[in-house]
Structures are given as structure tokens and as C-alpha cells.
N, C-alpha and C. Protein backbone atom coordinates (compact mmCIF):
# COMPACT_ATOMS: atom_id res chain seq x y z
N ASN A 1 9.95 9.74 13.40
CA ASN A 1 8.50 9.84 13.29
C ASN A 1 7.84 9.52 14.63
N GLU A 2 6.75 10.23 14.92
CA GLU A 2 6.03 9.94 16.15
C GLU A 2 5.27 8.63 16.06
N ARG A 3 4.64 8.36 14.91
CA ARG A 3 3.85 7.14 14.72
C ARG A 3 4.19 6.55 13.35
N GLY A 4 4.17 5.21 13.28
CA GLY A 4 4.46 4.58 12.01
C GLY A 4 5.85 4.90 11.52
N GLY A 5 6.85 4.36 12.22
CA GLY A 5 8.24 4.71 11.90
C GLY A 5 8.63 4.45 10.46
N GLY A 6 8.16 3.33 9.91
CA GLY A 6 8.47 3.03 8.51
C GLY A 6 7.38 3.49 7.57
N ILE A 7 6.13 3.09 7.86
CA ILE A 7 4.98 3.43 7.01
C ILE A 7 3.82 3.83 7.90
N TYR A 8 3.17 4.95 7.56
CA TYR A 8 1.96 5.39 8.27
C TYR A 8 0.84 5.45 7.23
N ASN A 9 -0.07 4.48 7.28
CA ASN A 9 -1.17 4.39 6.32
C ASN A 9 -2.47 4.81 6.99
N VAL A 10 -3.04 5.93 6.55
CA VAL A 10 -4.24 6.49 7.16
C VAL A 10 -5.36 6.55 6.12
N ARG A 11 -6.47 5.85 6.42
CA ARG A 11 -7.64 5.83 5.54
C ARG A 11 -7.22 5.51 4.10
N GLY A 12 -6.36 4.54 3.98
CA GLY A 12 -5.85 4.18 2.66
C GLY A 12 -5.92 2.68 2.39
N LEU A 13 -5.39 2.29 1.26
CA LEU A 13 -5.29 0.90 0.86
C LEU A 13 -3.81 0.59 0.65
N LEU A 14 -3.28 -0.30 1.47
CA LEU A 14 -1.84 -0.56 1.48
C LEU A 14 -1.56 -2.00 1.06
N THR A 15 -0.65 -2.18 0.11
CA THR A 15 -0.17 -3.51 -0.28
C THR A 15 1.35 -3.51 -0.23
N ILE A 16 1.88 -4.46 0.54
CA ILE A 16 3.33 -4.64 0.63
C ILE A 16 3.64 -6.04 0.14
N SER A 17 4.47 -6.16 -0.89
CA SER A 17 4.76 -7.45 -1.48
C SER A 17 6.26 -7.61 -1.71
N SER A 18 6.79 -8.77 -1.32
CA SER A 18 8.21 -9.11 -1.55
C SER A 18 9.13 -7.98 -1.10
N SER A 19 8.90 -7.51 0.12
CA SER A 19 9.64 -6.36 0.64
C SER A 19 10.13 -6.62 2.06
N THR A 20 11.03 -5.74 2.53
CA THR A 20 11.54 -5.80 3.89
C THR A 20 11.36 -4.45 4.56
N ILE A 21 10.73 -4.46 5.74
CA ILE A 21 10.56 -3.25 6.55
C ILE A 21 11.38 -3.51 7.82
N SER A 22 12.52 -2.84 7.96
CA SER A 22 13.40 -3.18 9.07
C SER A 22 14.08 -1.95 9.68
N GLY A 23 14.36 -2.05 10.98
CA GLY A 23 15.16 -1.05 11.68
C GLY A 23 14.50 0.31 11.83
N ASN A 24 13.18 0.35 11.77
CA ASN A 24 12.47 1.62 11.93
C ASN A 24 12.03 1.83 13.38
N ARG A 25 11.73 3.09 13.72
CA ARG A 25 11.34 3.42 15.09
C ARG A 25 10.30 4.53 15.07
N SER A 26 9.24 4.34 15.88
CA SER A 26 8.30 5.43 16.13
C SER A 26 8.73 6.06 17.46
N ASN A 27 9.07 7.31 17.44
CA ASN A 27 9.76 7.91 18.58
C ASN A 27 8.95 7.99 19.85
N THR A 28 7.68 8.38 19.75
CA THR A 28 6.90 8.58 20.98
C THR A 28 5.60 7.79 21.00
N GLN A 29 5.15 7.28 19.86
CA GLN A 29 3.87 6.60 19.80
C GLN A 29 4.02 5.17 19.27
N SER A 30 2.99 4.64 18.64
CA SER A 30 2.96 3.24 18.28
C SER A 30 3.24 2.99 16.80
N GLY A 31 3.56 1.72 16.52
CA GLY A 31 3.80 1.31 15.14
C GLY A 31 5.22 1.58 14.68
N GLY A 32 6.17 0.81 15.23
CA GLY A 32 7.57 1.04 14.86
C GLY A 32 7.83 0.83 13.39
N GLY A 33 7.30 -0.27 12.84
CA GLY A 33 7.49 -0.54 11.42
C GLY A 33 6.38 0.03 10.56
N ILE A 34 5.13 -0.32 10.92
CA ILE A 34 3.96 0.08 10.12
C ILE A 34 2.82 0.46 11.05
N LEU A 35 2.13 1.55 10.73
CA LEU A 35 0.89 1.90 11.40
C LEU A 35 -0.22 1.92 10.35
N ASN A 36 -1.24 1.09 10.58
CA ASN A 36 -2.38 0.99 9.67
C ASN A 36 -3.61 1.50 10.40
N HIS A 37 -4.07 2.71 10.04
CA HIS A 37 -5.14 3.39 10.79
C HIS A 37 -6.36 3.60 9.91
N GLN A 38 -7.51 3.03 10.33
CA GLN A 38 -8.75 3.13 9.57
C GLN A 38 -8.51 2.79 8.11
N SER A 39 -7.81 1.69 7.88
CA SER A 39 -7.36 1.35 6.54
C SER A 39 -7.42 -0.14 6.29
N SER A 40 -7.21 -0.52 5.05
CA SER A 40 -7.12 -1.92 4.66
C SER A 40 -5.71 -2.18 4.14
N GLY A 41 -5.11 -3.29 4.61
CA GLY A 41 -3.74 -3.58 4.20
C GLY A 41 -3.51 -5.05 3.93
N THR A 42 -2.56 -5.34 3.05
CA THR A 42 -2.14 -6.71 2.76
C THR A 42 -0.62 -6.75 2.71
N ILE A 43 -0.05 -7.71 3.42
CA ILE A 43 1.40 -7.91 3.39
C ILE A 43 1.65 -9.34 2.90
N ILE A 44 2.43 -9.47 1.81
CA ILE A 44 2.65 -10.76 1.18
C ILE A 44 4.14 -10.99 0.96
N ASN A 45 4.63 -12.18 1.33
CA ASN A 45 6.02 -12.56 1.06
C ASN A 45 7.01 -11.48 1.49
N SER A 46 6.83 -10.98 2.69
CA SER A 46 7.65 -9.86 3.16
C SER A 46 8.20 -10.12 4.56
N TYR A 47 9.13 -9.24 4.97
CA TYR A 47 9.80 -9.35 6.26
C TYR A 47 9.62 -8.06 7.04
N ILE A 48 9.17 -8.19 8.28
CA ILE A 48 9.06 -7.05 9.20
C ILE A 48 10.02 -7.35 10.34
N LEU A 49 11.17 -6.68 10.36
CA LEU A 49 12.28 -7.10 11.22
C LEU A 49 12.86 -5.95 12.03
N GLY A 50 13.05 -6.18 13.33
CA GLY A 50 13.85 -5.28 14.17
C GLY A 50 13.35 -3.86 14.27
N ASN A 51 12.04 -3.68 14.29
CA ASN A 51 11.46 -2.35 14.45
C ASN A 51 11.10 -2.11 15.92
N ILE A 52 11.03 -0.84 16.33
CA ILE A 52 10.81 -0.49 17.73
C ILE A 52 9.75 0.60 17.83
N SER A 53 8.80 0.43 18.75
CA SER A 53 7.83 1.49 19.02
C SER A 53 8.20 2.22 20.31
N GLY A 54 8.34 3.53 20.22
CA GLY A 54 8.70 4.34 21.38
C GLY A 54 10.19 4.33 21.64
N ASN A 55 10.69 5.38 22.23
CA ASN A 55 12.11 5.49 22.51
C ASN A 55 12.63 4.37 23.40
N SER A 56 11.75 3.90 24.31
CA SER A 56 12.16 2.84 25.23
C SER A 56 11.55 1.50 24.85
N GLY A 57 10.86 1.47 23.73
CA GLY A 57 10.16 0.25 23.36
C GLY A 57 8.94 -0.01 24.21
N ALA A 58 8.46 1.02 24.91
CA ALA A 58 7.37 0.84 25.86
C ALA A 58 6.00 1.18 25.30
N VAL A 59 5.93 1.59 24.05
CA VAL A 59 4.65 1.88 23.41
C VAL A 59 4.28 0.69 22.54
N GLY A 60 3.11 0.68 21.91
CA GLY A 60 2.59 -0.53 21.29
C GLY A 60 2.96 -0.76 19.84
N GLY A 61 2.93 -2.06 19.47
CA GLY A 61 3.11 -2.45 18.08
C GLY A 61 4.51 -2.21 17.55
N GLY A 62 5.47 -2.96 18.09
CA GLY A 62 6.85 -2.77 17.63
C GLY A 62 7.00 -2.96 16.14
N GLY A 63 6.42 -4.04 15.62
CA GLY A 63 6.46 -4.29 14.18
C GLY A 63 5.34 -3.58 13.45
N ILE A 64 4.10 -3.82 13.92
CA ILE A 64 2.91 -3.31 13.24
C ILE A 64 1.87 -2.88 14.27
N PHE A 65 1.25 -1.74 14.03
CA PHE A 65 0.08 -1.31 14.82
C PHE A 65 -1.09 -1.22 13.86
N ASN A 66 -2.08 -2.10 14.06
CA ASN A 66 -3.28 -2.15 13.23
C ASN A 66 -4.44 -1.63 14.08
N GLU A 67 -4.97 -0.43 13.75
CA GLU A 67 -5.90 0.20 14.70
C GLU A 67 -7.13 0.82 14.08
N THR A 68 -8.19 0.85 14.88
CA THR A 68 -9.42 1.60 14.65
C THR A 68 -10.09 1.24 13.32
N ASN A 69 -10.84 0.16 13.37
CA ASN A 69 -11.64 -0.27 12.22
C ASN A 69 -10.80 -0.55 10.98
N SER A 70 -9.63 -1.08 11.20
CA SER A 70 -8.76 -1.46 10.09
C SER A 70 -8.83 -2.96 9.85
N SER A 71 -8.37 -3.37 8.69
CA SER A 71 -8.26 -4.78 8.35
C SER A 71 -6.88 -5.01 7.75
N LEU A 72 -6.15 -5.99 8.32
CA LEU A 72 -4.81 -6.28 7.82
C LEU A 72 -4.66 -7.78 7.65
N THR A 73 -4.23 -8.20 6.45
CA THR A 73 -3.99 -9.60 6.15
C THR A 73 -2.51 -9.79 5.85
N ILE A 74 -1.89 -10.73 6.56
CA ILE A 74 -0.46 -11.00 6.41
C ILE A 74 -0.31 -12.44 5.92
N VAL A 75 0.33 -12.62 4.77
CA VAL A 75 0.43 -13.92 4.14
C VAL A 75 1.89 -14.24 3.80
N SER A 76 2.33 -15.44 4.15
CA SER A 76 3.66 -15.93 3.78
C SER A 76 4.75 -14.93 4.11
N SER A 77 4.71 -14.40 5.32
CA SER A 77 5.65 -13.37 5.74
C SER A 77 6.27 -13.71 7.09
N THR A 78 7.33 -12.99 7.44
CA THR A 78 8.03 -13.18 8.71
C THR A 78 8.05 -11.88 9.48
N ILE A 79 7.64 -11.94 10.75
CA ILE A 79 7.67 -10.79 11.65
C ILE A 79 8.54 -11.19 12.83
N SER A 80 9.72 -10.59 12.93
CA SER A 80 10.71 -11.09 13.89
C SER A 80 11.58 -9.97 14.46
N GLY A 81 11.92 -10.13 15.74
CA GLY A 81 12.89 -9.24 16.37
C GLY A 81 12.40 -7.83 16.61
N ASN A 82 11.08 -7.64 16.67
CA ASN A 82 10.52 -6.31 16.92
C ASN A 82 10.25 -6.13 18.42
N ARG A 83 10.14 -4.87 18.86
CA ARG A 83 9.99 -4.59 20.28
C ARG A 83 8.98 -3.47 20.54
N GLY A 84 8.12 -3.69 21.55
CA GLY A 84 7.16 -2.67 21.96
C GLY A 84 6.73 -2.93 23.38
N GLY A 85 5.85 -2.10 23.92
CA GLY A 85 5.35 -2.31 25.27
C GLY A 85 4.09 -3.16 25.29
N LYS A 86 3.28 -3.05 24.23
CA LYS A 86 2.08 -3.87 24.04
C LYS A 86 2.13 -4.39 22.61
N GLY A 87 2.35 -5.69 22.46
CA GLY A 87 2.45 -6.25 21.13
C GLY A 87 3.82 -6.00 20.51
N GLY A 88 4.78 -6.83 20.91
CA GLY A 88 6.12 -6.66 20.35
C GLY A 88 6.14 -6.81 18.84
N GLY A 89 5.41 -7.84 18.35
CA GLY A 89 5.29 -8.03 16.91
C GLY A 89 4.18 -7.19 16.32
N ILE A 90 2.96 -7.37 16.87
CA ILE A 90 1.78 -6.70 16.33
C ILE A 90 0.85 -6.28 17.47
N LEU A 91 0.33 -5.05 17.39
CA LEU A 91 -0.75 -4.59 18.25
C LEU A 91 -1.99 -4.41 17.38
N ASN A 92 -3.05 -5.15 17.70
CA ASN A 92 -4.30 -5.10 16.95
C ASN A 92 -5.38 -4.49 17.85
N ASN A 93 -5.79 -3.27 17.54
CA ASN A 93 -6.70 -2.51 18.39
C ASN A 93 -7.99 -2.19 17.64
N ARG A 94 -9.12 -2.80 18.08
CA ARG A 94 -10.43 -2.54 17.48
C ARG A 94 -10.42 -2.78 15.97
N SER A 95 -9.74 -3.83 15.55
CA SER A 95 -9.56 -4.10 14.13
C SER A 95 -9.52 -5.60 13.86
N THR A 96 -9.37 -5.96 12.60
CA THR A 96 -9.28 -7.36 12.19
C THR A 96 -7.88 -7.65 11.68
N LEU A 97 -7.29 -8.72 12.22
CA LEU A 97 -5.95 -9.14 11.81
C LEU A 97 -6.00 -10.60 11.39
N ILE A 98 -5.49 -10.90 10.19
CA ILE A 98 -5.39 -12.27 9.70
C ILE A 98 -3.92 -12.58 9.43
N LEU A 99 -3.43 -13.66 10.05
CA LEU A 99 -2.05 -14.10 9.86
C LEU A 99 -2.11 -15.50 9.25
N SER A 100 -1.59 -15.65 8.04
CA SER A 100 -1.71 -16.91 7.32
C SER A 100 -0.36 -17.35 6.75
N ASN A 101 -0.02 -18.62 6.97
CA ASN A 101 1.22 -19.19 6.42
C ASN A 101 2.43 -18.31 6.72
N SER A 102 2.51 -17.84 7.94
CA SER A 102 3.56 -16.88 8.31
C SER A 102 4.27 -17.29 9.59
N PHE A 103 5.38 -16.60 9.87
CA PHE A 103 6.19 -16.82 11.06
C PHE A 103 6.22 -15.55 11.89
N LEU A 104 5.95 -15.70 13.18
CA LEU A 104 6.03 -14.59 14.13
C LEU A 104 6.96 -15.05 15.23
N SER A 105 8.18 -14.53 15.26
CA SER A 105 9.17 -15.09 16.18
C SER A 105 10.10 -14.04 16.78
N MET A 106 10.55 -14.34 17.99
CA MET A 106 11.58 -13.56 18.69
C MET A 106 11.24 -12.08 18.81
N ASN A 107 9.95 -11.77 18.94
CA ASN A 107 9.52 -10.42 19.28
C ASN A 107 9.37 -10.34 20.79
N TYR A 108 9.48 -9.14 21.35
CA TYR A 108 9.36 -9.05 22.80
C TYR A 108 8.82 -7.69 23.23
N VAL A 109 8.32 -7.68 24.47
CA VAL A 109 7.78 -6.45 25.03
C VAL A 109 8.56 -6.05 26.28
N ALA A 110 8.72 -4.75 26.44
CA ALA A 110 9.45 -4.19 27.58
C ALA A 110 8.69 -2.97 28.09
N GLY A 111 9.09 -2.45 29.25
CA GLY A 111 8.43 -1.27 29.81
C GLY A 111 7.48 -1.66 30.93
N GLY A 112 6.62 -0.74 31.35
CA GLY A 112 5.69 -0.98 32.44
C GLY A 112 4.60 -1.96 32.05
N LEU A 113 4.47 -3.06 32.78
CA LEU A 113 3.45 -4.09 32.54
C LEU A 113 3.38 -4.50 31.07
N PRO A 114 4.46 -4.93 30.49
CA PRO A 114 4.47 -5.30 29.07
C PRO A 114 3.68 -6.57 28.80
N ARG A 115 2.86 -6.54 27.74
CA ARG A 115 1.95 -7.64 27.44
C ARG A 115 1.95 -7.96 25.95
N GLY A 116 1.92 -9.26 25.64
CA GLY A 116 1.82 -9.68 24.26
C GLY A 116 3.14 -9.62 23.51
N GLY A 117 4.04 -10.55 23.81
CA GLY A 117 5.32 -10.54 23.12
C GLY A 117 5.18 -10.65 21.62
N GLY A 118 4.30 -11.55 21.18
CA GLY A 118 4.05 -11.70 19.74
C GLY A 118 2.95 -10.78 19.26
N ILE A 119 1.76 -10.94 19.85
CA ILE A 119 0.58 -10.17 19.43
C ILE A 119 -0.21 -9.71 20.65
N TYR A 120 -0.65 -8.47 20.63
CA TYR A 120 -1.59 -7.93 21.60
C TYR A 120 -2.84 -7.54 20.82
N SER A 121 -3.99 -8.13 21.16
CA SER A 121 -5.23 -7.81 20.46
C SER A 121 -6.30 -7.42 21.47
N THR A 122 -6.98 -6.30 21.22
CA THR A 122 -8.00 -5.81 22.15
C THR A 122 -9.16 -5.15 21.42
N GLY A 123 -10.38 -5.39 21.95
CA GLY A 123 -11.55 -4.69 21.43
C GLY A 123 -11.62 -3.27 21.94
N ASN A 124 -11.10 -3.03 23.14
CA ASN A 124 -10.93 -1.69 23.69
C ASN A 124 -12.18 -0.82 23.54
N GLY A 125 -13.31 -1.32 24.07
CA GLY A 125 -14.55 -0.56 24.00
C GLY A 125 -15.36 -0.84 22.76
N SER A 126 -14.82 -1.60 21.84
CA SER A 126 -15.53 -1.99 20.63
C SER A 126 -15.34 -3.49 20.45
N SER A 127 -14.75 -3.94 19.36
CA SER A 127 -14.45 -5.34 19.16
C SER A 127 -13.24 -5.50 18.25
N ALA A 128 -12.64 -6.69 18.33
CA ALA A 128 -11.49 -7.00 17.49
C ALA A 128 -11.57 -8.46 17.09
N SER A 129 -10.87 -8.81 16.01
CA SER A 129 -10.83 -10.18 15.54
C SER A 129 -9.40 -10.55 15.16
N LEU A 130 -8.98 -11.71 15.65
CA LEU A 130 -7.63 -12.21 15.37
C LEU A 130 -7.77 -13.63 14.80
N ILE A 131 -7.29 -13.83 13.57
CA ILE A 131 -7.37 -15.13 12.90
C ILE A 131 -5.96 -15.55 12.51
N ILE A 132 -5.56 -16.71 13.02
CA ILE A 132 -4.22 -17.24 12.74
C ILE A 132 -4.38 -18.62 12.13
N GLN A 133 -3.80 -18.82 10.95
CA GLN A 133 -3.95 -20.10 10.28
C GLN A 133 -2.65 -20.53 9.61
N ASN A 134 -2.32 -21.82 9.77
CA ASN A 134 -1.12 -22.39 9.14
C ASN A 134 0.13 -21.55 9.42
N SER A 135 0.28 -21.11 10.65
CA SER A 135 1.39 -20.23 11.00
C SER A 135 2.14 -20.75 12.23
N THR A 136 3.34 -20.21 12.44
CA THR A 136 4.16 -20.55 13.58
C THR A 136 4.45 -19.30 14.40
N ILE A 137 4.14 -19.38 15.69
CA ILE A 137 4.42 -18.28 16.62
C ILE A 137 5.36 -18.84 17.68
N SER A 138 6.62 -18.42 17.65
CA SER A 138 7.62 -19.06 18.50
C SER A 138 8.63 -18.08 19.07
N LEU A 139 9.10 -18.43 20.26
CA LEU A 139 10.21 -17.73 20.91
C LEU A 139 9.96 -16.25 21.13
N ASN A 140 8.70 -15.88 21.31
CA ASN A 140 8.36 -14.51 21.69
C ASN A 140 8.32 -14.42 23.22
N SER A 141 8.53 -13.22 23.76
CA SER A 141 8.59 -13.11 25.22
C SER A 141 7.96 -11.83 25.74
N ALA A 142 7.38 -11.98 26.94
CA ALA A 142 6.79 -10.85 27.65
C ALA A 142 7.22 -10.93 29.10
N SER A 143 7.70 -9.84 29.65
CA SER A 143 8.11 -9.88 31.05
C SER A 143 6.91 -9.74 31.99
N TYR A 144 5.71 -9.57 31.41
CA TYR A 144 4.50 -9.58 32.25
C TYR A 144 3.55 -10.69 31.78
N ARG A 145 2.67 -10.45 30.83
CA ARG A 145 1.68 -11.46 30.45
C ARG A 145 1.62 -11.68 28.93
N GLY A 146 1.30 -12.93 28.56
CA GLY A 146 1.06 -13.26 27.16
C GLY A 146 2.33 -13.30 26.33
N GLY A 147 3.11 -14.37 26.51
CA GLY A 147 4.35 -14.48 25.75
C GLY A 147 4.14 -14.46 24.26
N ALA A 148 3.19 -15.28 23.78
CA ALA A 148 2.86 -15.30 22.35
C ALA A 148 1.74 -14.31 22.03
N ILE A 149 0.61 -14.44 22.79
CA ILE A 149 -0.58 -13.64 22.49
C ILE A 149 -1.22 -13.13 23.78
N TYR A 150 -1.55 -11.85 23.79
CA TYR A 150 -2.35 -11.26 24.86
C TYR A 150 -3.64 -10.79 24.21
N ASN A 151 -4.77 -11.38 24.62
CA ASN A 151 -6.05 -11.13 23.98
C ASN A 151 -7.07 -10.68 25.03
N LYS A 152 -7.69 -9.51 24.84
CA LYS A 152 -8.57 -9.00 25.89
C LYS A 152 -9.69 -8.13 25.33
N ASN A 153 -10.72 -7.94 26.18
CA ASN A 153 -11.79 -6.96 25.96
C ASN A 153 -12.49 -7.12 24.62
N ASN A 154 -13.22 -8.23 24.48
CA ASN A 154 -14.04 -8.48 23.30
C ASN A 154 -13.22 -8.59 22.02
N SER A 155 -12.10 -9.26 22.13
CA SER A 155 -11.30 -9.62 20.96
C SER A 155 -11.44 -11.13 20.76
N THR A 156 -12.00 -11.54 19.64
CA THR A 156 -12.23 -12.95 19.36
C THR A 156 -11.07 -13.52 18.55
N PHE A 157 -10.49 -14.62 19.05
CA PHE A 157 -9.40 -15.22 18.27
C PHE A 157 -9.75 -16.63 17.82
N THR A 158 -9.23 -16.99 16.63
CA THR A 158 -9.33 -18.34 16.10
C THR A 158 -7.94 -18.74 15.61
N ILE A 159 -7.43 -19.83 16.16
CA ILE A 159 -6.11 -20.35 15.77
C ILE A 159 -6.32 -21.74 15.18
N SER A 160 -5.90 -21.94 13.94
CA SER A 160 -6.08 -23.23 13.30
C SER A 160 -4.81 -23.68 12.58
N SER A 161 -4.54 -24.98 12.67
CA SER A 161 -3.41 -25.61 11.98
C SER A 161 -2.12 -24.81 12.17
N SER A 162 -1.89 -24.40 13.41
CA SER A 162 -0.73 -23.56 13.72
C SER A 162 0.03 -24.11 14.92
N SER A 163 1.22 -23.58 15.13
CA SER A 163 2.07 -23.99 16.25
C SER A 163 2.50 -22.79 17.06
N LEU A 164 2.30 -22.89 18.38
CA LEU A 164 2.82 -21.90 19.33
C LEU A 164 3.83 -22.63 20.19
N ALA A 165 5.09 -22.25 20.08
CA ALA A 165 6.14 -23.02 20.75
C ALA A 165 7.23 -22.11 21.31
N GLY A 166 7.64 -22.43 22.55
CA GLY A 166 8.78 -21.76 23.16
C GLY A 166 8.57 -20.30 23.49
N ASN A 167 7.32 -19.89 23.64
CA ASN A 167 7.03 -18.51 24.04
C ASN A 167 7.06 -18.40 25.56
N ILE A 168 7.45 -17.23 26.08
CA ILE A 168 7.70 -17.10 27.51
C ILE A 168 7.03 -15.85 28.08
N SER A 169 6.41 -16.03 29.25
CA SER A 169 5.90 -14.92 30.03
C SER A 169 6.42 -15.06 31.46
N ASN A 170 6.85 -13.97 32.06
CA ASN A 170 7.35 -14.03 33.43
C ASN A 170 6.23 -14.02 34.46
N ASP A 171 5.00 -13.74 34.02
CA ASP A 171 3.89 -13.71 34.97
C ASP A 171 2.83 -14.76 34.61
N GLU A 172 1.97 -14.49 33.66
CA GLU A 172 0.89 -15.42 33.32
C GLU A 172 0.75 -15.54 31.80
N GLY A 173 0.39 -16.74 31.34
CA GLY A 173 0.11 -16.95 29.93
C GLY A 173 1.34 -16.95 29.06
N GLY A 174 2.21 -17.94 29.27
CA GLY A 174 3.39 -18.04 28.42
C GLY A 174 3.03 -18.17 26.96
N GLY A 175 1.96 -18.94 26.69
CA GLY A 175 1.47 -19.06 25.32
C GLY A 175 0.43 -17.99 25.02
N ILE A 176 -0.73 -18.11 25.70
CA ILE A 176 -1.84 -17.19 25.46
C ILE A 176 -2.40 -16.68 26.78
N PHE A 177 -2.60 -15.38 26.89
CA PHE A 177 -3.36 -14.80 27.99
C PHE A 177 -4.64 -14.25 27.39
N ASN A 178 -5.80 -14.78 27.85
CA ASN A 178 -7.09 -14.39 27.29
C ASN A 178 -7.99 -13.86 28.41
N SER A 179 -8.51 -12.64 28.25
CA SER A 179 -9.34 -12.01 29.27
C SER A 179 -10.55 -11.34 28.65
N LEU A 180 -11.75 -11.68 29.17
CA LEU A 180 -13.00 -11.05 28.74
C LEU A 180 -13.20 -11.16 27.24
N SER A 181 -12.79 -12.30 26.68
CA SER A 181 -12.86 -12.53 25.24
C SER A 181 -13.08 -14.01 24.99
N SER A 182 -13.32 -14.37 23.74
CA SER A 182 -13.50 -15.77 23.39
C SER A 182 -12.45 -16.21 22.38
N GLY A 183 -12.10 -17.50 22.44
CA GLY A 183 -11.09 -18.02 21.54
C GLY A 183 -11.38 -19.44 21.12
N THR A 184 -10.89 -19.82 19.95
CA THR A 184 -11.03 -21.18 19.42
C THR A 184 -9.67 -21.65 18.93
N PHE A 185 -9.32 -22.87 19.33
CA PHE A 185 -8.02 -23.46 19.04
C PHE A 185 -8.27 -24.78 18.31
N ILE A 186 -7.90 -24.87 17.02
CA ILE A 186 -8.27 -26.01 16.18
C ILE A 186 -7.02 -26.63 15.54
N ASN A 187 -6.84 -27.94 15.73
CA ASN A 187 -5.75 -28.67 15.05
C ASN A 187 -4.41 -27.94 15.17
N SER A 188 -4.13 -27.45 16.34
CA SER A 188 -2.92 -26.67 16.58
C SER A 188 -2.18 -27.20 17.79
N THR A 189 -0.93 -26.79 17.96
CA THR A 189 -0.14 -27.22 19.10
C THR A 189 0.34 -26.03 19.91
N LEU A 190 0.37 -26.23 21.24
CA LEU A 190 0.85 -25.22 22.16
C LEU A 190 1.86 -25.91 23.06
N SER A 191 3.14 -25.51 22.96
CA SER A 191 4.18 -26.22 23.70
C SER A 191 5.22 -25.24 24.23
N GLY A 192 5.94 -25.71 25.28
CA GLY A 192 6.94 -24.86 25.90
C GLY A 192 8.27 -24.94 25.20
């Protein structure tokens, strides 16, 4: 598949519960595991594992690509071992992403100027919202910027009661790289 290697949800309502989305690939575009486009989605008690966006992993959203006025809520789930060029775990573009009581771990980005090992969120000419609560983001890596999170261009993030630990960037922002955006960090830990 060119986009959404496992699931491509367009202008729809998607619910994934007690499921595993693993080993999928989007050949030339974004969303190795799931692509959620102009849609609303909920993922509950599920696993998004080992998905790849692009043949070289250089395109966005290895696990999930949430784009263009979409809303995605992830609850009590694990997103791990996914690979992309922007957002190894999740790429959130001009959309709203909520991560609650979940684990985001060991995702990574590769390719030219790879950013956001765990999550890449951008308003990209509009706006985006990233809400993380009661979650763990750990051991994600980026060979450029934003080991855990790369947040830019009018993307507002709020992180509460969560842990960011052991994430790595070879350039800037091992934990969080934030540019031209605002963020709030509440009752949370950020450690190497």
C-alpha cells in the first residue's frame, strides 16, 4: 500500500479495541500501521508494533499518521518498535492526538533529517494539539532532533502525570524539541 499500510481510514469513524496492528508497511507514503485522514478514531487496549512508513522508513508516521483535521484518542495501548522519517511512533499533522494511560517505546526515525522518534506533531500552516496523560514515553530515538517528541509550527502540547525517560537525539532535544509552539508540563518527569 502507498499509504496506511495496515489501515487507511478516510472521512470515517474508526474504533480499534483489544487488537494488534503489526508488521505493516506503507511503501511510498505515510502511515505504516494506520493512516487516519479527516477522521475520528479511538484505539483501546491495543498494540501497534513494528510498522514502517516508506521503503526506507524515511516517510512519516511509522506506527500511525493522524492528519488533516482528524482526532485520534489512544487509551491503554502500546506503540512500540515502529519506524519512520518524521514520527517513528506517531505523526500528528494539523490534528488532535490524545495519548492516555499508554506506552510509547523503542520507536525511531531514520532518513534525511529525521525528527520525532516517538511523536512528531505540527500545525503545518494550521494548528495541532497533543495531549499526553498518565503515559510513559521511553527509549525512543532520533538521529536528528526530538528523541521523544518533536513539536513545531503552532502545535500545542500538554503533558501531565507522565514519564519521558531514556529517549535519545543525536542533535537537539533528546526528550522534547519544541519550535514556534507552546507546551505545558505538569506533574511529570523528564530523565535521561
